[in-house]
Amino acid sequence: AWQTSIADGVTSGDLSVDAAESIRKGLGMVDDAVTPT
């Protein structure tokens, strides 16, 4: 669910698709050390 903020950013025009993918790839996924929050 944390990634929905990125999707909202693209839909609202605050983020380009390239910027959204950079954030998604750079932050990575949820694991034992990093929470969705």
Full PDB file with SEQRES, HELIX, SHEET, SSBOND, CRYST1, ORIGX, SCALE, CONECT and MASTER records, all heavy atoms in Angstrom:
SEQRES   1 A   37  ALA TRP GLN THR SER ILE ALA ASP GLY VAL THR SER GLY          
SEQRES   2 A   37  ASP LEU SER VAL ASP ALA ALA GLU SER ILE ARG LYS GLY          
SEQRES   3 A   37  LEU GLY MET VAL ASP ASP ALA VAL THR PRO THR                  
HELIX    1 AA1 THR A    4  SER A   12  1                                   9    
HELIX    2 AA2 VAL A   17  LEU A   27  1                                  11    
CRYST1    1.000    1.000    1.000  90.00  90.00  90.00 P 1           1          
ORIGX1      1.000000  0.000000  0.000000        0.00000                         
ORIGX2      0.000000  1.000000  0.000000        0.00000                         
ORIGX3      0.000000  0.000000  1.000000        0.00000                         
SCALE1      1.000000  0.000000  0.000000        0.00000                         
SCALE2      0.000000  1.000000  0.000000        0.00000                         
SCALE3      0.000000  0.000000  1.000000        0.00000                         
ATOM      1  N   ALA A   1       0.816  -1.218   0.000  1.00  0.00           N  
ATOM      2  CA  ALA A   1       0.000   0.000   0.000  1.00  0.00           C  
ATOM      3  C   ALA A   1       0.847   1.265   0.000  1.00  0.00           C  
ATOM      4  O   ALA A   1       0.391   2.309  -0.453  1.00  0.00           O  
ATOM      5  CB  ALA A   1      -0.928  -0.012   1.214  1.00  0.00           C  
ATOM      6  N   TRP A   2       2.087   1.187   0.524  1.00  0.00           N  
ATOM      7  CA  TRP A   2       2.917   2.392   0.576  1.00  0.00           C  
ATOM      8  C   TRP A   2       3.174   2.946  -0.818  1.00  0.00           C  
ATOM      9  O   TRP A   2       3.376   4.150  -0.993  1.00  0.00           O  
ATOM     10  CB  TRP A   2       4.241   2.086   1.275  1.00  0.00           C  
ATOM     11  CG  TRP A   2       5.158   1.177   0.506  1.00  0.00           C  
ATOM     12  CD1 TRP A   2       5.226  -0.175   0.572  1.00  0.00           C  
ATOM     13  CD2 TRP A   2       6.140   1.576  -0.459  1.00  0.00           C  
ATOM     14  NE1 TRP A   2       6.179  -0.657  -0.295  1.00  0.00           N  
ATOM     15  CE2 TRP A   2       6.759   0.401  -0.933  1.00  0.00           C  
ATOM     16  CE3 TRP A   2       6.554   2.812  -0.957  1.00  0.00           C  
ATOM     17  CZ2 TRP A   2       7.764   0.418  -1.890  1.00  0.00           C  
ATOM     18  CZ3 TRP A   2       7.563   2.828  -1.913  1.00  0.00           C  
ATOM     19  CH2 TRP A   2       8.148   1.639  -2.364  1.00  0.00           C  
ATOM     20  N   GLN A   3       3.120   2.080  -1.850  1.00  0.00           N  
ATOM     21  CA  GLN A   3       3.414   2.538  -3.201  1.00  0.00           C  
ATOM     22  C   GLN A   3       2.269   3.317  -3.825  1.00  0.00           C  
ATOM     23  O   GLN A   3       2.433   3.925  -4.879  1.00  0.00           O  
ATOM     24  CB  GLN A   3       3.770   1.337  -4.091  1.00  0.00           C  
ATOM     25  CG  GLN A   3       5.019   0.603  -3.622  1.00  0.00           C  
ATOM     26  CD  GLN A   3       5.432  -0.500  -4.550  1.00  0.00           C  
ATOM     27  OE1 GLN A   3       6.081  -0.258  -5.559  1.00  0.00           O  
ATOM     28  NE2 GLN A   3       5.071  -1.723  -4.223  1.00  0.00           N  
ATOM     29  N   THR A   4       1.097   3.282  -3.194  1.00  0.00           N  
ATOM     30  CA  THR A   4      -0.020   4.030  -3.762  1.00  0.00           C  
ATOM     31  C   THR A   4       0.237   5.527  -3.756  1.00  0.00           C  
ATOM     32  O   THR A   4      -0.316   6.256  -4.580  1.00  0.00           O  
ATOM     33  CB  THR A   4      -1.319   3.728  -2.988  1.00  0.00           C  
ATOM     34  OG1 THR A   4      -1.146   4.093  -1.609  1.00  0.00           O  
ATOM     35  CG2 THR A   4      -1.691   2.263  -3.088  1.00  0.00           C  
ATOM     36  N   SER A   5       1.070   6.000  -2.833  1.00  0.00           N  
ATOM     37  CA  SER A   5       1.397   7.432  -2.833  1.00  0.00           C  
ATOM     38  C   SER A   5       2.160   7.802  -4.102  1.00  0.00           C  
ATOM     39  O   SER A   5       2.001   8.911  -4.633  1.00  0.00           O  
ATOM     40  CB  SER A   5       2.219   7.797  -1.599  1.00  0.00           C  
ATOM     41  OG  SER A   5       3.414   7.036  -1.528  1.00  0.00           O  
ATOM     42  N   ILE A   6       2.990   6.883  -4.604  1.00  0.00           N  
ATOM     43  CA  ILE A   6       3.704   7.120  -5.861  1.00  0.00           C  
ATOM     44  C   ILE A   6       2.709   7.170  -7.012  1.00  0.00           C  
ATOM     45  O   ILE A   6       2.774   8.054  -7.880  1.00  0.00           O  
ATOM     46  CB  ILE A   6       4.754   6.024  -6.102  1.00  0.00           C  
ATOM     47  CG1 ILE A   6       5.761   5.977  -4.951  1.00  0.00           C  
ATOM     48  CG2 ILE A   6       5.465   6.239  -7.434  1.00  0.00           C  
ATOM     49  CD1 ILE A   6       6.771   4.856  -5.066  1.00  0.00           C  
ATOM     50  N   ALA A   7       1.770   6.210  -7.022  1.00  0.00           N  
ATOM     51  CA  ALA A   7       0.754   6.188  -8.074  1.00  0.00           C  
ATOM     52  C   ALA A   7      -0.088   7.451  -8.046  1.00  0.00           C  
ATOM     53  O   ALA A   7      -0.404   8.036  -9.093  1.00  0.00           O  
ATOM     54  CB  ALA A   7      -0.127   4.948  -7.913  1.00  0.00           C  
ATOM     55  N   ASP A   8      -0.468   7.896  -6.851  1.00  0.00           N  
ATOM     56  CA  ASP A   8      -1.224   9.155  -6.717  1.00  0.00           C  
ATOM     57  C   ASP A   8      -0.440  10.319  -7.299  1.00  0.00           C  
ATOM     58  O   ASP A   8      -1.005  11.212  -7.932  1.00  0.00           O  
ATOM     59  CB  ASP A   8      -1.539   9.430  -5.245  1.00  0.00           C  
ATOM     60  CG  ASP A   8      -2.681   8.569  -4.717  1.00  0.00           C  
ATOM     61  OD1 ASP A   8      -3.503   8.140  -5.534  1.00  0.00           O  
ATOM     62  OD2 ASP A   8      -2.719   8.322  -3.503  1.00  0.00           O  
ATOM     63  N   GLY A   9       0.876  10.315  -7.065  1.00  0.00           N  
ATOM     64  CA  GLY A   9       1.713  11.394  -7.571  1.00  0.00           C  
ATOM     65  C   GLY A   9       1.716  11.470  -9.082  1.00  0.00           C  
ATOM     66  O   GLY A   9       1.705  12.554  -9.669  1.00  0.00           O  
ATOM     67  N   VAL A  10       1.718  10.303  -9.751  1.00  0.00           N  
ATOM     68  CA  VAL A  10       1.672  10.282 -11.222  1.00  0.00           C  
ATOM     69  C   VAL A  10       0.316  10.766 -11.711  1.00  0.00           C  
ATOM     70  O   VAL A  10       0.216  11.589 -12.632  1.00  0.00           O  
ATOM     71  CB  VAL A  10       1.971   8.868 -11.756  1.00  0.00           C  
ATOM     72  CG1 VAL A  10       1.875   8.842 -13.280  1.00  0.00           C  
ATOM     73  CG2 VAL A  10       3.355   8.409 -11.314  1.00  0.00           C  
ATOM     74  N   THR A  11      -0.752  10.257 -11.094  1.00  0.00           N  
ATOM     75  CA  THR A  11      -2.097  10.625 -11.525  1.00  0.00           C  
ATOM     76  C   THR A  11      -2.351  12.116 -11.351  1.00  0.00           C  
ATOM     77  O   THR A  11      -2.977  12.756 -12.193  1.00  0.00           O  
ATOM     78  CB  THR A  11      -3.148   9.834 -10.724  1.00  0.00           C  
ATOM     79  OG1 THR A  11      -2.908   8.426 -10.899  1.00  0.00           O  
ATOM     80  CG2 THR A  11      -4.555  10.153 -11.195  1.00  0.00           C  
ATOM     81  N   SER A  12      -1.839  12.687 -10.261  1.00  0.00           N  
ATOM     82  CA  SER A  12      -2.058  14.107 -10.000  1.00  0.00           C  
ATOM     83  C   SER A  12      -1.163  15.011 -10.840  1.00  0.00           C  
ATOM     84  O   SER A  12      -1.379  16.218 -10.899  1.00  0.00           O  
ATOM     85  CB  SER A  12      -1.818  14.406  -8.523  1.00  0.00           C  
ATOM     86  OG  SER A  12      -0.442  14.206  -8.185  1.00  0.00           O  
ATOM     87  N   GLY A  13      -0.151  14.442 -11.480  1.00  0.00           N  
ATOM     88  CA  GLY A  13       0.766  15.241 -12.275  1.00  0.00           C  
ATOM     89  C   GLY A  13       1.979  15.732 -11.517  1.00  0.00           C  
ATOM     90  O   GLY A  13       2.838  16.412 -12.086  1.00  0.00           O  
ATOM     91  N   ASP A  14       2.096  15.382 -10.229  1.00  0.00           N  
ATOM     92  CA  ASP A  14       3.261  15.803  -9.442  1.00  0.00           C  
ATOM     93  C   ASP A  14       4.507  15.010  -9.807  1.00  0.00           C  
ATOM     94  O   ASP A  14       5.633  15.459  -9.565  1.00  0.00           O  
ATOM     95  CB  ASP A  14       2.978  15.637  -7.944  1.00  0.00           C  
ATOM     96  CG  ASP A  14       1.925  16.612  -7.437  1.00  0.00           C  
ATOM     97  OD1 ASP A  14       1.788  17.687  -8.056  1.00  0.00           O  
ATOM     98  OD2 ASP A  14       1.241  16.292  -6.452  1.00  0.00           O  
ATOM     99  N   LEU A  15       4.323  13.804 -10.345  1.00  0.00           N  
ATOM    100  CA  LEU A  15       5.441  12.936 -10.712  1.00  0.00           C  
ATOM    101  C   LEU A  15       5.336  12.520 -12.174  1.00  0.00           C  
ATOM    102  O   LEU A  15       4.252  12.203 -12.659  1.00  0.00           O  
ATOM    103  CB  LEU A  15       5.430  11.656  -9.860  1.00  0.00           C  
ATOM    104  CG  LEU A  15       5.906  11.695  -8.416  1.00  0.00           C  
ATOM    105  CD1 LEU A  15       5.819  10.299  -7.826  1.00  0.00           C  
ATOM    106  CD2 LEU A  15       7.326  12.215  -8.324  1.00  0.00           C  
ATOM    107  N   SER A  16       6.468  12.504 -12.850  1.00  0.00           N  
ATOM    108  CA  SER A  16       6.521  11.864 -14.158  1.00  0.00           C  
ATOM    109  C   SER A  16       6.639  10.357 -13.955  1.00  0.00           C  
ATOM    110  O   SER A  16       6.952   9.888 -12.856  1.00  0.00           O  
ATOM    111  CB  SER A  16       7.722  12.375 -14.960  1.00  0.00           C  
ATOM    112  OG  SER A  16       8.938  11.948 -14.352  1.00  0.00           O  
ATOM    113  N   VAL A  17       6.406   9.596 -15.006  1.00  0.00           N  
ATOM    114  CA  VAL A  17       6.554   8.143 -14.908  1.00  0.00           C  
ATOM    115  C   VAL A  17       8.002   7.789 -14.584  1.00  0.00           C  
ATOM    116  O   VAL A  17       8.279   6.889 -13.783  1.00  0.00           O  
ATOM    117  CB  VAL A  17       6.094   7.464 -16.216  1.00  0.00           C  
ATOM    118  CG1 VAL A  17       6.478   5.984 -16.231  1.00  0.00           C  
ATOM    119  CG2 VAL A  17       4.589   7.599 -16.376  1.00  0.00           C  
ATOM    120  N   ASP A  18       8.956   8.512 -15.194  1.00  0.00           N  
ATOM    121  CA  ASP A  18      10.370   8.248 -14.910  1.00  0.00           C  
ATOM    122  C   ASP A  18      10.690   8.515 -13.437  1.00  0.00           C  
ATOM    123  O   ASP A  18      11.413   7.747 -12.798  1.00  0.00           O  
ATOM    124  CB  ASP A  18      11.264   9.134 -15.796  1.00  0.00           C  
ATOM    125  CG  ASP A  18      11.315   8.643 -17.226  1.00  0.00           C  
ATOM    126  OD1 ASP A  18      11.129   7.433 -17.450  1.00  0.00           O  
ATOM    127  OD2 ASP A  18      11.531   9.467 -18.125  1.00  0.00           O  
ATOM    128  N   ALA A  19      10.159   9.610 -12.899  1.00  0.00           N  
ATOM    129  CA  ALA A  19      10.405   9.937 -11.493  1.00  0.00           C  
ATOM    130  C   ALA A  19       9.781   8.881 -10.583  1.00  0.00           C  
ATOM    131  O   ALA A  19      10.381   8.463  -9.587  1.00  0.00           O  
ATOM    132  CB  ALA A  19       9.847  11.315 -11.173  1.00  0.00           C  
ATOM    133  N   ALA A  20       8.574   8.443 -10.926  1.00  0.00           N  
ATOM    134  CA  ALA A  20       7.896   7.425 -10.117  1.00  0.00           C  
ATOM    135  C   ALA A  20       8.696   6.128 -10.092  1.00  0.00           C  
ATOM    136  O   ALA A  20       8.864   5.505  -9.035  1.00  0.00           O  
ATOM    137  CB  ALA A  20       6.499   7.168 -10.664  1.00  0.00           C  
ATOM    138  N   GLU A  21       9.196   5.719 -11.245  1.00  0.00           N  
ATOM    139  CA  GLU A  21       9.974   4.480 -11.301  1.00  0.00           C  
ATOM    140  C   GLU A  21      11.290   4.627 -10.544  1.00  0.00           C  
ATOM    141  O   GLU A  21      11.770   3.678  -9.916  1.00  0.00           O  
ATOM    142  CB  GLU A  21      10.239   4.094 -12.764  1.00  0.00           C  
ATOM    143  CG  GLU A  21      11.012   2.810 -12.966  1.00  0.00           C  
ATOM    144  CD  GLU A  21      10.277   1.559 -12.513  1.00  0.00           C  
ATOM    145  OE1 GLU A  21       9.190   1.674 -11.889  1.00  0.00           O  
ATOM    146  OE2 GLU A  21      10.785   0.459 -12.765  1.00  0.00           O  
ATOM    147  N   SER A  22      11.892   5.814 -10.579  1.00  0.00           N  
ATOM    148  CA  SER A  22      13.124   6.048  -9.822  1.00  0.00           C  
ATOM    149  C   SER A  22      12.879   5.900  -8.325  1.00  0.00           C  
ATOM    150  O   SER A  22      13.686   5.295  -7.609  1.00  0.00           O  
ATOM    151  CB  SER A  22      13.674   7.449 -10.128  1.00  0.00           C  
ATOM    152  OG  SER A  22      14.141   7.539 -11.456  1.00  0.00           O  
ATOM    153  N   ILE A  23      11.770   6.450  -7.850  1.00  0.00           N  
ATOM    154  CA  ILE A  23      11.444   6.339  -6.430  1.00  0.00           C  
ATOM    155  C   ILE A  23      11.166   4.887  -6.065  1.00  0.00           C  
ATOM    156  O   ILE A  23      11.645   4.376  -5.044  1.00  0.00           O  
ATOM    157  CB  ILE A  23      10.239   7.233  -6.081  1.00  0.00           C  
ATOM    158  CG1 ILE A  23      10.612   8.714  -6.257  1.00  0.00           C  
ATOM    159  CG2 ILE A  23       9.751   6.971  -4.664  1.00  0.00           C  
ATOM    160  CD1 ILE A  23       9.445   9.670  -6.066  1.00  0.00           C  
ATOM    161  N   ARG A  24      10.370   4.206  -6.889  1.00  0.00           N  
ATOM    162  CA  ARG A  24      10.015   2.808  -6.604  1.00  0.00           C  
ATOM    163  C   ARG A  24      11.252   1.921  -6.558  1.00  0.00           C  
ATOM    164  O   ARG A  24      11.446   1.132  -5.620  1.00  0.00           O  
ATOM    165  CB  ARG A  24       9.050   2.285  -7.669  1.00  0.00           C  
ATOM    166  CG  ARG A  24       8.468   0.914  -7.374  1.00  0.00           C  
ATOM    167  CD  ARG A  24       7.786   0.336  -8.595  1.00  0.00           C  
ATOM    168  NE  ARG A  24       8.758  -0.007  -9.627  1.00  0.00           N  
ATOM    169  CZ  ARG A  24       9.470  -1.126  -9.644  1.00  0.00           C  
ATOM    170  NH1 ARG A  24       9.348  -2.006  -8.672  1.00  0.00           N  
ATOM    171  NH2 ARG A  24      10.331  -1.359 -10.613  1.00  0.00           N  
ATOM    172  N   LYS A  25      12.118   2.050  -7.541  1.00  0.00           N  
ATOM    173  CA  LYS A  25      13.317   1.210  -7.588  1.00  0.00           C  
ATOM    174  C   LYS A  25      14.301   1.594  -6.493  1.00  0.00           C  
ATOM    175  O   LYS A  25      14.949   0.728  -5.897  1.00  0.00           O  
ATOM    176  CB  LYS A  25      13.991   1.330  -8.962  1.00  0.00           C  
ATOM    177  CG  LYS A  25      13.231   0.645 -10.079  1.00  0.00           C  
ATOM    178  CD  LYS A  25      13.880   0.879 -11.435  1.00  0.00           C  
ATOM    179  CE  LYS A  25      15.262   0.288 -11.493  1.00  0.00           C  
ATOM    180  NZ  LYS A  25      15.883   0.477 -12.833  1.00  0.00           N  
ATOM    181  N   GLY A  26      14.430   2.887  -6.236  1.00  0.00           N  
ATOM    182  CA  GLY A  26      15.390   3.333  -5.239  1.00  0.00           C  
ATOM    183  C   GLY A  26      15.019   2.924  -3.828  1.00  0.00           C  
ATOM    184  O   GLY A  26      15.883   2.530  -3.039  1.00  0.00           O  
ATOM    185  N   LEU A  27      13.733   2.989  -3.499  1.00  0.00           N  
ATOM    186  CA  LEU A  27      13.300   2.632  -2.148  1.00  0.00           C  
ATOM    187  C   LEU A  27      13.219   1.127  -1.931  1.00  0.00           C  
ATOM    188  O   LEU A  27      13.365   0.644  -0.808  1.00  0.00           O  
ATOM    189  CB  LEU A  27      11.933   3.264  -1.852  1.00  0.00           C  
ATOM    190  CG  LEU A  27      11.911   4.779  -1.633  1.00  0.00           C  
ATOM    191  CD1 LEU A  27      10.500   5.249  -1.339  1.00  0.00           C  
ATOM    192  CD2 LEU A  27      12.847   5.188  -0.500  1.00  0.00           C  
ATOM    193  N   GLY A  28      12.983   0.363  -3.007  1.00  0.00           N  
ATOM    194  CA  GLY A  28      12.915  -1.086  -2.854  1.00  0.00           C  
ATOM    195  C   GLY A  28      11.606  -1.532  -2.224  1.00  0.00           C  
ATOM    196  O   GLY A  28      10.627  -0.785  -2.163  1.00  0.00           O  
ATOM    197  N   MET A  29      11.604  -2.748  -1.717  1.00  0.00           N  
ATOM    198  CA  MET A  29      10.385  -3.354  -1.195  1.00  0.00           C  
ATOM    199  C   MET A  29      10.435  -3.492   0.321  1.00  0.00           C  
ATOM    200  O   MET A  29      11.482  -3.369   0.944  1.00  0.00           O  
ATOM    201  CB  MET A  29      10.172  -4.726  -1.838  1.00  0.00           C  
ATOM    202  CG  MET A  29      10.031  -4.677  -3.353  1.00  0.00           C  
ATOM    203  SD  MET A  29       8.662  -3.618  -3.898  1.00  0.00           S  
ATOM    204  CE  MET A  29       7.267  -4.543  -3.258  1.00  0.00           C  
ATOM    205  N   VAL A  30       9.246  -3.779   0.875  1.00  0.00           N  
ATOM    206  CA  VAL A  30       9.138  -4.030   2.311  1.00  0.00           C  
ATOM    207  C   VAL A  30       9.871  -5.332   2.653  1.00  0.00           C  
ATOM    208  O   VAL A  30       9.820  -6.306   1.908  1.00  0.00           O  
ATOM    209  CB  VAL A  30       7.654  -4.157   2.717  1.00  0.00           C  
ATOM    210  CG1 VAL A  30       7.517  -4.576   4.181  1.00  0.00           C  
ATOM    211  CG2 VAL A  30       6.929  -2.841   2.462  1.00  0.00           C  
ATOM    212  N   ASP A  31      10.607  -5.330   3.766  1.00  0.00           N  
ATOM    213  CA  ASP A  31      11.222  -6.566   4.251  1.00  0.00           C  
ATOM    214  C   ASP A  31      11.247  -6.529   5.773  1.00  0.00           C  
ATOM    215  O   ASP A  31      10.571  -5.705   6.394  1.00  0.00           O  
ATOM    216  CB  ASP A  31      12.626  -6.786   3.661  1.00  0.00           C  
ATOM    217  CG  ASP A  31      13.586  -5.639   3.967  1.00  0.00           C  
ATOM    218  OD1 ASP A  31      13.346  -4.903   4.951  1.00  0.00           O  
ATOM    219  OD2 ASP A  31      14.579  -5.482   3.238  1.00  0.00           O  
ATOM    220  N   ASP A  32      12.015  -7.411   6.378  1.00  0.00           N  
ATOM    221  CA  ASP A  32      12.033  -7.496   7.839  1.00  0.00           C  
ATOM    222  C   ASP A  32      12.585  -6.236   8.493  1.00  0.00           C  
ATOM    223  O   ASP A  32      12.283  -5.952   9.659  1.00  0.00           O  
ATOM    224  CB  ASP A  32      12.869  -8.706   8.285  1.00  0.00           C  
ATOM    225  CG  ASP A  32      12.222 -10.025   7.900  1.00  0.00           C  
ATOM    226  OD1 ASP A  32      10.997 -10.023   7.664  1.00  0.00           O  
ATOM    227  OD2 ASP A  32      12.942 -11.048   7.833  1.00  0.00           O  
ATOM    228  N   ALA A  33      13.415  -5.487   7.758  1.00  0.00           N  
ATOM    229  CA  ALA A  33      14.067  -4.317   8.353  1.00  0.00           C  
ATOM    230  C   ALA A  33      13.318  -3.015   8.107  1.00  0.00           C  
ATOM    231  O   ALA A  33      13.480  -2.056   8.853  1.00  0.00           O  
ATOM    232  CB  ALA A  33      15.495  -4.195   7.818  1.00  0.00           C  
ATOM    233  N   VAL A  34      12.514  -2.957   7.041  1.00  0.00           N  
ATOM    234  CA  VAL A  34      11.854  -1.707   6.654  1.00  0.00           C  
ATOM    235  C   VAL A  34      10.362  -1.946   6.515  1.00  0.00           C  
ATOM    236  O   VAL A  34       9.933  -2.837   5.779  1.00  0.00           O  
ATOM    237  CB  VAL A  34      12.435  -1.168   5.320  1.00  0.00           C  
ATOM    238  CG1 VAL A  34      11.757   0.145   4.946  1.00  0.00           C  
ATOM    239  CG2 VAL A  34      13.939  -0.964   5.429  1.00  0.00           C  
ATOM    240  N   THR A  35       9.572  -1.146   7.206  1.00  0.00           N  
ATOM    241  CA  THR A  35       8.125  -1.335   7.246  1.00  0.00           C  
ATOM    242  C   THR A  35       7.432  -0.532   6.142  1.00  0.00           C  
ATOM    243  O   THR A  35       7.995   0.440   5.615  1.00  0.00           O  
ATOM    244  CB  THR A  35       7.563  -0.880   8.599  1.00  0.00           C  
ATOM    245  OG1 THR A  35       7.725   0.548   8.715  1.00  0.00           O  
ATOM    246  CG2 THR A  35       8.289  -1.571   9.747  1.00  0.00           C  
ATOM    247  N   PRO A  36       6.179  -0.899   5.808  1.00  0.00           N  
ATOM    248  CA  PRO A  36       5.416  -0.104   4.834  1.00  0.00           C  
ATOM    249  C   PRO A  36       5.241   1.348   5.281  1.00  0.00           C  
ATOM    250  O   PRO A  36       5.275   2.258   4.453  1.00  0.00           O  
ATOM    251  CB  PRO A  36       4.061  -0.831   4.781  1.00  0.00           C  
ATOM    252  CG  PRO A  36       4.358  -2.230   5.203  1.00  0.00           C  
ATOM    253  CD  PRO A  36       5.459  -2.116   6.214  1.00  0.00           C  
ATOM    254  N   THR A  37       5.070   1.568   6.573  1.00  0.00           N  
ATOM    255  CA  THR A  37       4.905   2.935   7.082  1.00  0.00           C  
ATOM    256  C   THR A  37       6.145   3.775   6.801  1.00  0.00           C  
ATOM    257  O   THR A  37       6.059   4.939   6.388  1.00  0.00           O  
ATOM    258  CB  THR A  37       4.625   2.912   8.592  1.00  0.00           C  
ATOM    259  OG1 THR A  37       3.432   2.154   8.838  1.00  0.00           O  
ATOM    260  CG2 THR A  37       4.448   4.323   9.134  1.00  0.00           C  
TER     261      THR A  37                                                      
MASTER        0    0    0    2    0    0    0    6  260    1    0    3          
END                                                                             
